[in-house]
Amino acid sequence: MAKGKDVRVTVILECTNCTRNSANRNGANKESMSIGISRYITQKNRHNTPSRLELLKFCPFCYKHTIHGEIKK
């Protein structure tokens, strides 16, 4: 039988650099602003990694590798 809580859960990773830039859009220069926010979908084991997941992934809007942190669904 299936258990109540699955061990592996799907998580969404979001670029921390893009989210900071989108919050400061008021006085930012248009060339330095990102057009979107990079997001990745992955899975993690809830028992082995109970804290929020942070991975170094490539952001196509920043054109470099940045830290992508787990966000709520």
PDB file of N, CA and C in Angstrom:
ATOM      1  N   MET A   1       0.828  -1.186   0.000  1.00  0.00           N
ATOM      2  CA  MET A   1       0.000   0.000   0.000  1.00  0.00           C
ATOM      3  C   MET A   1       0.870   1.247   0.000  1.00  0.00           C
ATOM      4  N   ALA A   2       0.318   2.315  -0.522  1.00  0.00           N
ATOM      5  CA  ALA A   2       1.059   3.577  -0.577  1.00  0.00           C
ATOM      6  C   ALA A   2       1.051   4.253   0.790  1.00  0.00           C
ATOM      7  N   LYS A   3       2.166   4.865   1.106  1.00  0.00           N
ATOM      8  CA  LYS A   3       2.261   5.584   2.367  1.00  0.00           C
ATOM      9  C   LYS A   3       1.633   6.961   2.216  1.00  0.00           C
ATOM     10  N   GLY A   4       1.380   7.615   3.342  1.00  0.00           N
ATOM     11  CA  GLY A   4       0.734   8.923   3.322  1.00  0.00           C
ATOM     12  C   GLY A   4       1.581  10.010   2.686  1.00  0.00           C
ATOM     13  N   LYS A   5       2.874  10.033   3.015  1.00  0.00           N
ATOM     14  CA  LYS A   5       3.757  11.053   2.457  1.00  0.00           C
ATOM     15  C   LYS A   5       4.821  10.385   1.614  1.00  0.00           C
ATOM     16  N   ASP A   6       4.998  10.873   0.393  1.00  0.00           N
ATOM     17  CA  ASP A   6       6.025  10.319  -0.475  1.00  0.00           C
ATOM     18  C   ASP A   6       7.398  10.766  -0.009  1.00  0.00           C
ATOM     19  N   VAL A   7       8.383   9.919  -0.219  1.00  0.00           N
ATOM     20  CA  VAL A   7       9.747  10.250   0.174  1.00  0.00           C
ATOM     21  C   VAL A   7      10.334  11.247  -0.818  1.00  0.00           C
ATOM     22  N   ARG A   8      10.139  10.993  -2.121  1.00  0.00           N
ATOM     23  CA  ARG A   8      10.657  11.896  -3.144  1.00  0.00           C
ATOM     24  C   ARG A   8       9.574  12.898  -3.525  1.00  0.00           C
ATOM     25  N   VAL A   9       9.924  14.188  -3.499  1.00  0.00           N
ATOM     26  CA  VAL A   9       8.978  15.243  -3.833  1.00  0.00           C
ATOM     27  C   VAL A   9       9.545  16.086  -4.978  1.00  0.00           C
ATOM     28  N   THR A  10       8.661  16.646  -5.787  1.00  0.00           N
ATOM     29  CA  THR A  10       9.056  17.529  -6.875  1.00  0.00           C
ATOM     30  C   THR A  10       9.219  18.937  -6.328  1.00  0.00           C
ATOM     31  N   VAL A  11      10.352  19.581  -6.658  1.00  0.00           N
ATOM     32  CA  VAL A  11      10.623  20.935  -6.191  1.00  0.00           C
ATOM     33  C   VAL A  11      10.949  21.821  -7.386  1.00  0.00           C
ATOM     34  N   ILE A  12      10.737  23.122  -7.225  1.00  0.00           N
ATOM     35  CA  ILE A  12      11.047  24.113  -8.250  1.00  0.00           C
ATOM     36  C   ILE A  12      12.214  24.954  -7.756  1.00  0.00           C
ATOM     37  N   LEU A  13      13.248  25.064  -8.591  1.00  0.00           N
ATOM     38  CA  LEU A  13      14.419  25.879  -8.278  1.00  0.00           C
ATOM     39  C   LEU A  13      14.349  27.165  -9.095  1.00  0.00           C
ATOM     40  N   GLU A  14      14.520  28.304  -8.414  1.00  0.00           N
ATOM     41  CA  GLU A  14      14.419  29.613  -9.066  1.00  0.00           C
ATOM     42  C   GLU A  14      15.719  30.389  -8.893  1.00  0.00           C
ATOM     43  N   CYS A  15      16.130  31.108  -9.925  1.00  0.00           N
ATOM     44  CA  CYS A  15      17.370  31.880  -9.892  1.00  0.00           C
ATOM     45  C   CYS A  15      17.259  32.993  -8.847  1.00  0.00           C
ATOM     46  N   THR A  16      18.208  33.038  -7.916  1.00  0.00           N
ATOM     47  CA  THR A  16      18.170  34.065  -6.876  1.00  0.00           C
ATOM     48  C   THR A  16      18.606  35.418  -7.411  1.00  0.00           C
ATOM     49  N   ASN A  17      19.461  35.437  -8.428  1.00  0.00           N
ATOM     50  CA  ASN A  17      19.931  36.689  -9.009  1.00  0.00           C
ATOM     51  C   ASN A  17      18.806  37.385  -9.780  1.00  0.00           C
ATOM     52  N   CYS A  18      18.029  36.647 -10.549  1.00  0.00           N
ATOM     53  CA  CYS A  18      16.924  37.226 -11.325  1.00  0.00           C
ATOM     54  C   CYS A  18      15.818  37.758 -10.415  1.00  0.00           C
ATOM     55  N   THR A  19      15.529  37.053  -9.320  1.00  0.00           N
ATOM     56  CA  THR A  19      14.457  37.507  -8.433  1.00  0.00           C
ATOM     57  C   THR A  19      14.856  38.795  -7.730  1.00  0.00           C
ATOM     58  N   ARG A  20      16.152  38.964  -7.415  1.00  0.00           N
ATOM     59  CA  ARG A  20      16.614  40.223  -6.815  1.00  0.00           C
ATOM     60  C   ARG A  20      16.528  41.354  -7.821  1.00  0.00           C
ATOM     61  N   ASN A  21      16.868  41.087  -9.098  1.00  0.00           N
ATOM     62  CA  ASN A  21      16.807  42.126 -10.128  1.00  0.00           C
ATOM     63  C   ASN A  21      15.373  42.533 -10.427  1.00  0.00           C
ATOM     64  N   SER A  22      14.442  41.592 -10.418  1.00  0.00           N
ATOM     65  CA  SER A  22      13.051  41.926 -10.717  1.00  0.00           C
ATOM     66  C   SER A  22      12.424  42.737  -9.587  1.00  0.00           C
ATOM     67  N   ALA A  23      12.913  42.600  -8.358  1.00  0.00           N
ATOM     68  CA  ALA A  23      12.382  43.382  -7.242  1.00  0.00           C
ATOM     69  C   ALA A  23      12.857  44.830  -7.308  1.00  0.00           C
ATOM     70  N   ASN A  24      14.013  45.070  -7.922  1.00  0.00           N
ATOM     71  CA  ASN A  24      14.582  46.419  -8.009  1.00  0.00           C
ATOM     72  C   ASN A  24      14.428  47.015  -9.409  1.00  0.00           C
ATOM     73  N   ARG A  25      13.329  46.788 -10.074  1.00  0.00           N
ATOM     74  CA  ARG A  25      13.145  47.269 -11.444  1.00  0.00           C
ATOM     75  C   ARG A  25      12.935  48.771 -11.539  1.00  0.00           C
ATOM     76  N   ASN A  26      12.562  49.435 -10.486  1.00  0.00           N
ATOM     77  CA  ASN A  26      12.199  50.852 -10.556  1.00  0.00           C
ATOM     78  C   ASN A  26      13.345  51.709 -11.071  1.00  0.00           C
ATOM     79  N   GLY A  27      14.512  51.654 -10.436  1.00  0.00           N
ATOM     80  CA  GLY A  27      15.606  52.520 -10.800  1.00  0.00           C
ATOM     81  C   GLY A  27      16.706  51.831 -11.582  1.00  0.00           C
ATOM     82  N   ALA A  28      16.464  50.641 -12.073  1.00  0.00           N
ATOM     83  CA  ALA A  28      17.519  49.894 -12.769  1.00  0.00           C
ATOM     84  C   ALA A  28      17.600  50.296 -14.229  1.00  0.00           C
ATOM     85  N   ASN A  29      18.777  50.128 -14.785  1.00  0.00           N
ATOM     86  CA  ASN A  29      19.017  50.404 -16.185  1.00  0.00           C
ATOM     87  C   ASN A  29      18.395  49.290 -17.022  1.00  0.00           C
ATOM     88  N   LYS A  30      17.827  49.610 -18.207  1.00  0.00           N
ATOM     89  CA  LYS A  30      17.136  48.605 -18.998  1.00  0.00           C
ATOM     90  C   LYS A  30      18.074  47.531 -19.531  1.00  0.00           C
ATOM     91  N   GLU A  31      19.341  47.865 -19.816  1.00  0.00           N
ATOM     92  CA  GLU A  31      20.268  46.867 -20.328  1.00  0.00           C
ATOM     93  C   GLU A  31      20.649  45.849 -19.252  1.00  0.00           C
ATOM     94  N   SER A  32      20.679  46.267 -17.991  1.00  0.00           N
ATOM     95  CA  SER A  32      21.102  45.364 -16.922  1.00  0.00           C
ATOM     96  C   SER A  32      19.948  44.523 -16.383  1.00  0.00           C
ATOM     97  N   MET A  33      18.709  44.819 -16.760  1.00  0.00           N
ATOM     98  CA  MET A  33      17.568  44.059 -16.249  1.00  0.00           C
ATOM     99  C   MET A  33      17.418  42.736 -16.983  1.00  0.00           C
ATOM    100  N   SER A  34      16.990  41.718 -16.272  1.00  0.00           N
ATOM    101  CA  SER A  34      16.678  40.448 -16.917  1.00  0.00           C
ATOM    102  C   SER A  34      15.229  40.484 -17.386  1.00  0.00           C
ATOM    103  N   ILE A  35      14.950  39.778 -18.459  1.00  0.00           N
ATOM    104  CA  ILE A  35      13.617  39.777 -19.041  1.00  0.00           C
ATOM    105  C   ILE A  35      12.702  38.816 -18.298  1.00  0.00           C
ATOM    106  N   GLY A  36      13.253  37.711 -17.789  1.00  0.00           N
ATOM    107  CA  GLY A  36      12.452  36.708 -17.103  1.00  0.00           C
ATOM    108  C   GLY A  36      13.164  36.157 -15.895  1.00  0.00           C
ATOM    109  N   ILE A  37      12.606  35.085 -15.362  1.00  0.00           N
ATOM    110  CA  ILE A  37      13.187  34.407 -14.201  1.00  0.00           C
ATOM    111  C   ILE A  37      13.405  32.954 -14.579  1.00  0.00           C
ATOM    112  N   SER A  38      14.636  32.481 -14.392  1.00  0.00           N
ATOM    113  CA  SER A  38      14.987  31.109 -14.729  1.00  0.00           C
ATOM    114  C   SER A  38      14.468  30.158 -13.654  1.00  0.00           C
ATOM    115  N   ARG A  39      13.821  29.068 -14.090  1.00  0.00           N
ATOM    116  CA  ARG A  39      13.311  28.067 -13.160  1.00  0.00           C
ATOM    117  C   ARG A  39      13.629  26.673 -13.675  1.00  0.00           C
ATOM    118  N   TYR A  40      13.972  25.784 -12.761  1.00  0.00           N
ATOM    119  CA  TYR A  40      14.217  24.380 -13.057  1.00  0.00           C
ATOM    120  C   TYR A  40      13.313  23.539 -12.179  1.00  0.00           C
ATOM    121  N   ILE A  41      12.901  22.359 -12.681  1.00  0.00           N
ATOM    122  CA  ILE A  41      12.093  21.420 -11.912  1.00  0.00           C
ATOM    123  C   ILE A  41      12.936  20.175 -11.676  1.00  0.00           C
ATOM    124  N   THR A  42      13.006  19.723 -10.434  1.00  0.00           N
ATOM    125  CA  THR A  42      13.781  18.541 -10.077  1.00  0.00           C
ATOM    126  C   THR A  42      13.088  17.828  -8.922  1.00  0.00           C
ATOM    127  N   GLN A  43      13.689  16.749  -8.454  1.00  0.00           N
ATOM    128  CA  GLN A  43      13.154  16.005  -7.321  1.00  0.00           C
ATOM    129  C   GLN A  43      14.204  15.921  -6.230  1.00  0.00           C
ATOM    130  N   LYS A  44      13.733  15.814  -4.990  1.00  0.00           N
ATOM    131  CA  LYS A  44      14.651  15.617  -3.873  1.00  0.00           C
ATOM    132  C   LYS A  44      14.059  14.601  -2.922  1.00  0.00           C
ATOM    133  N   ASN A  45      14.940  13.964  -2.164  1.00  0.00           N
ATOM    134  CA  ASN A  45      14.536  13.009  -1.151  1.00  0.00           C
ATOM    135  C   ASN A  45      14.283  13.787   0.140  1.00  0.00           C
ATOM    136  N   ARG A  46      13.069  13.708   0.633  1.00  0.00           N
ATOM    137  CA  ARG A  46      12.672  14.489   1.806  1.00  0.00           C
ATOM    138  C   ARG A  46      13.415  14.059   3.069  1.00  0.00           C
ATOM    139  N   HIS A  47      13.762  12.781   3.176  1.00  0.00           N
ATOM    140  CA  HIS A  47      14.449  12.286   4.374  1.00  0.00           C
ATOM    141  C   HIS A  47      15.916  12.688   4.390  1.00  0.00           C
ATOM    142  N   ASN A  48      16.591  12.640   3.234  1.00  0.00           N
ATOM    143  CA  ASN A  48      18.012  12.982   3.170  1.00  0.00           C
ATOM    144  C   ASN A  48      18.254  14.485   3.154  1.00  0.00           C
ATOM    145  N   THR A  49      17.337  15.263   2.582  1.00  0.00           N
ATOM    146  CA  THR A  49      17.499  16.714   2.452  1.00  0.00           C
ATOM    147  C   THR A  49      16.260  17.411   2.984  1.00  0.00           C
ATOM    148  N   PRO A  50      16.132  17.548   4.297  1.00  0.00           N
ATOM    149  CA  PRO A  50      14.932  18.199   4.844  1.00  0.00           C
ATOM    150  C   PRO A  50      14.934  19.714   4.654  1.00  0.00           C
ATOM    151  N   SER A  51      16.124  20.319   4.514  1.00  0.00           N
ATOM    152  CA  SER A  51      16.193  21.777   4.334  1.00  0.00           C
ATOM    153  C   SER A  51      15.970  22.126   2.862  1.00  0.00           C
ATOM    154  N   ARG A  52      15.922  23.429   2.594  1.00  0.00           N
ATOM    155  CA  ARG A  52      15.705  23.885   1.221  1.00  0.00           C
ATOM    156  C   ARG A  52      16.936  23.595   0.365  1.00  0.00           C
ATOM    157  N   LEU A  53      16.680  23.199  -0.870  1.00  0.00           N
ATOM    158  CA  LEU A  53      17.733  22.808  -1.796  1.00  0.00           C
ATOM    159  C   LEU A  53      18.261  24.035  -2.536  1.00  0.00           C
ATOM    160  N   GLU A  54      19.594  24.137  -2.698  1.00  0.00           N
ATOM    161  CA  GLU A  54      20.222  25.197  -3.478  1.00  0.00           C
ATOM    162  C   GLU A  54      21.267  24.564  -4.381  1.00  0.00           C
ATOM    163  N   LEU A  55      21.162  24.793  -5.691  1.00  0.00           N
ATOM    164  CA  LEU A  55      22.092  24.226  -6.653  1.00  0.00           C
ATOM    165  C   LEU A  55      22.617  25.317  -7.571  1.00  0.00           C
ATOM    166  N   LEU A  56      23.817  25.111  -8.089  1.00  0.00           N
ATOM    167  CA  LEU A  56      24.415  26.029  -9.039  1.00  0.00           C
ATOM    168  C   LEU A  56      24.000  25.576 -10.434  1.00  0.00           C
ATOM    169  N   LYS A  57      23.141  26.370 -11.099  1.00  0.00           N
ATOM    170  CA  LYS A  57      22.617  26.033 -12.419  1.00  0.00           C
ATOM    171  C   LYS A  57      22.842  27.212 -13.364  1.00  0.00           C
ATOM    172  N   PHE A  58      22.739  26.968 -14.667  1.00  0.00           N
ATOM    173  CA  PHE A  58      22.907  28.023 -15.658  1.00  0.00           C
ATOM    174  C   PHE A  58      21.608  28.805 -15.817  1.00  0.00           C
ATOM    175  N   CYS A  59      21.720  30.131 -15.774  1.00  0.00           N
ATOM    176  CA  CYS A  59      20.562  31.009 -15.967  1.00  0.00           C
ATOM    177  C   CYS A  59      20.664  31.625 -17.364  1.00  0.00           C
ATOM    178  N   PRO A  60      19.720  31.343 -18.268  1.00  0.00           N
ATOM    179  CA  PRO A  60      19.791  31.921 -19.612  1.00  0.00           C
ATOM    180  C   PRO A  60      19.520  33.424 -19.656  1.00  0.00           C
ATOM    181  N   PHE A  61      18.945  33.984 -18.603  1.00  0.00           N
ATOM    182  CA  PHE A  61      18.677  35.416 -18.572  1.00  0.00           C
ATOM    183  C   PHE A  61      19.868  36.202 -18.047  1.00  0.00           C
ATOM    184  N   CYS A  62      20.636  35.609 -17.131  1.00  0.00           N
ATOM    185  CA  CYS A  62      21.844  36.249 -16.598  1.00  0.00           C
ATOM    186  C   CYS A  62      23.078  35.898 -17.430  1.00  0.00           C
ATOM    187  N   TYR A  63      22.986  34.854 -18.254  1.00  0.00           N
ATOM    188  CA  TYR A  63      24.085  34.345 -19.085  1.00  0.00           C
ATOM    189  C   TYR A  63      25.279  33.884 -18.252  1.00  0.00           C
ATOM    190  N   LYS A  64      25.004  33.274 -17.087  1.00  0.00           N
ATOM    191  CA  LYS A  64      26.071  32.728 -16.255  1.00  0.00           C
ATOM    192  C   LYS A  64      25.470  31.715 -15.283  1.00  0.00           C
ATOM    193  N   HIS A  65      26.338  30.980 -14.595  1.00  0.00           N
ATOM    194  CA  HIS A  65      25.906  30.028 -13.578  1.00  0.00           C
ATOM    195  C   HIS A  65      25.612  30.787 -12.285  1.00  0.00           C
ATOM    196  N   THR A  66      24.416  30.615 -11.741  1.00  0.00           N
ATOM    197  CA  THR A  66      24.006  31.284 -10.515  1.00  0.00           C
ATOM    198  C   THR A  66      23.384  30.261  -9.571  1.00  0.00           C
ATOM    199  N   ILE A  67      23.182  30.671  -8.350  1.00  0.00           N
ATOM    200  CA  ILE A  67      22.543  29.795  -7.361  1.00  0.00           C
ATOM    201  C   ILE A  67      21.041  29.811  -7.569  1.00  0.00           C
ATOM    202  N   HIS A  68      20.479  28.634  -7.703  1.00  0.00           N
ATOM    203  CA  HIS A  68      19.024  28.467  -7.838  1.00  0.00           C
ATOM    204  C   HIS A  68      18.520  27.844  -6.540  1.00  0.00           C
ATOM    205  N   GLY A  69      17.592  28.517  -5.869  1.00  0.00           N
ATOM    206  CA  GLY A  69      17.061  28.050  -4.598  1.00  0.00           C
ATOM    207  C   GLY A  69      15.654  27.502  -4.732  1.00  0.00           C
ATOM    208  N   GLU A  70      15.294  26.628  -3.816  1.00  0.00           N
ATOM    209  CA  GLU A  70      13.972  26.018  -3.817  1.00  0.00           C
ATOM    210  C   GLU A  70      12.918  27.036  -3.412  1.00  0.00           C
ATOM    211  N   ILE A  71      11.778  27.024  -4.121  1.00  0.00           N
ATOM    212  CA  ILE A  71      10.673  27.926  -3.793  1.00  0.00           C
ATOM    213  C   ILE A  71       9.444  27.083  -3.478  1.00  0.00           C
ATOM    214  N   LYS A  72       8.446  27.718  -2.869  1.00  0.00           N
ATOM    215  CA  LYS A  72       7.186  27.037  -2.580  1.00  0.00           C
ATOM    216  C   LYS A  72       6.374  26.930  -3.846  1.00  0.00           C
ATOM    217  N   LYS A  73       5.541  25.902  -3.912  1.00  0.00           N
ATOM    218  CA  LYS A  73       4.675  25.706  -5.081  1.00  0.00           C
ATOM    219  C   LYS A  73       3.479  26.615  -5.007  1.00  0.00           C
TER     220      LYS A  73
END
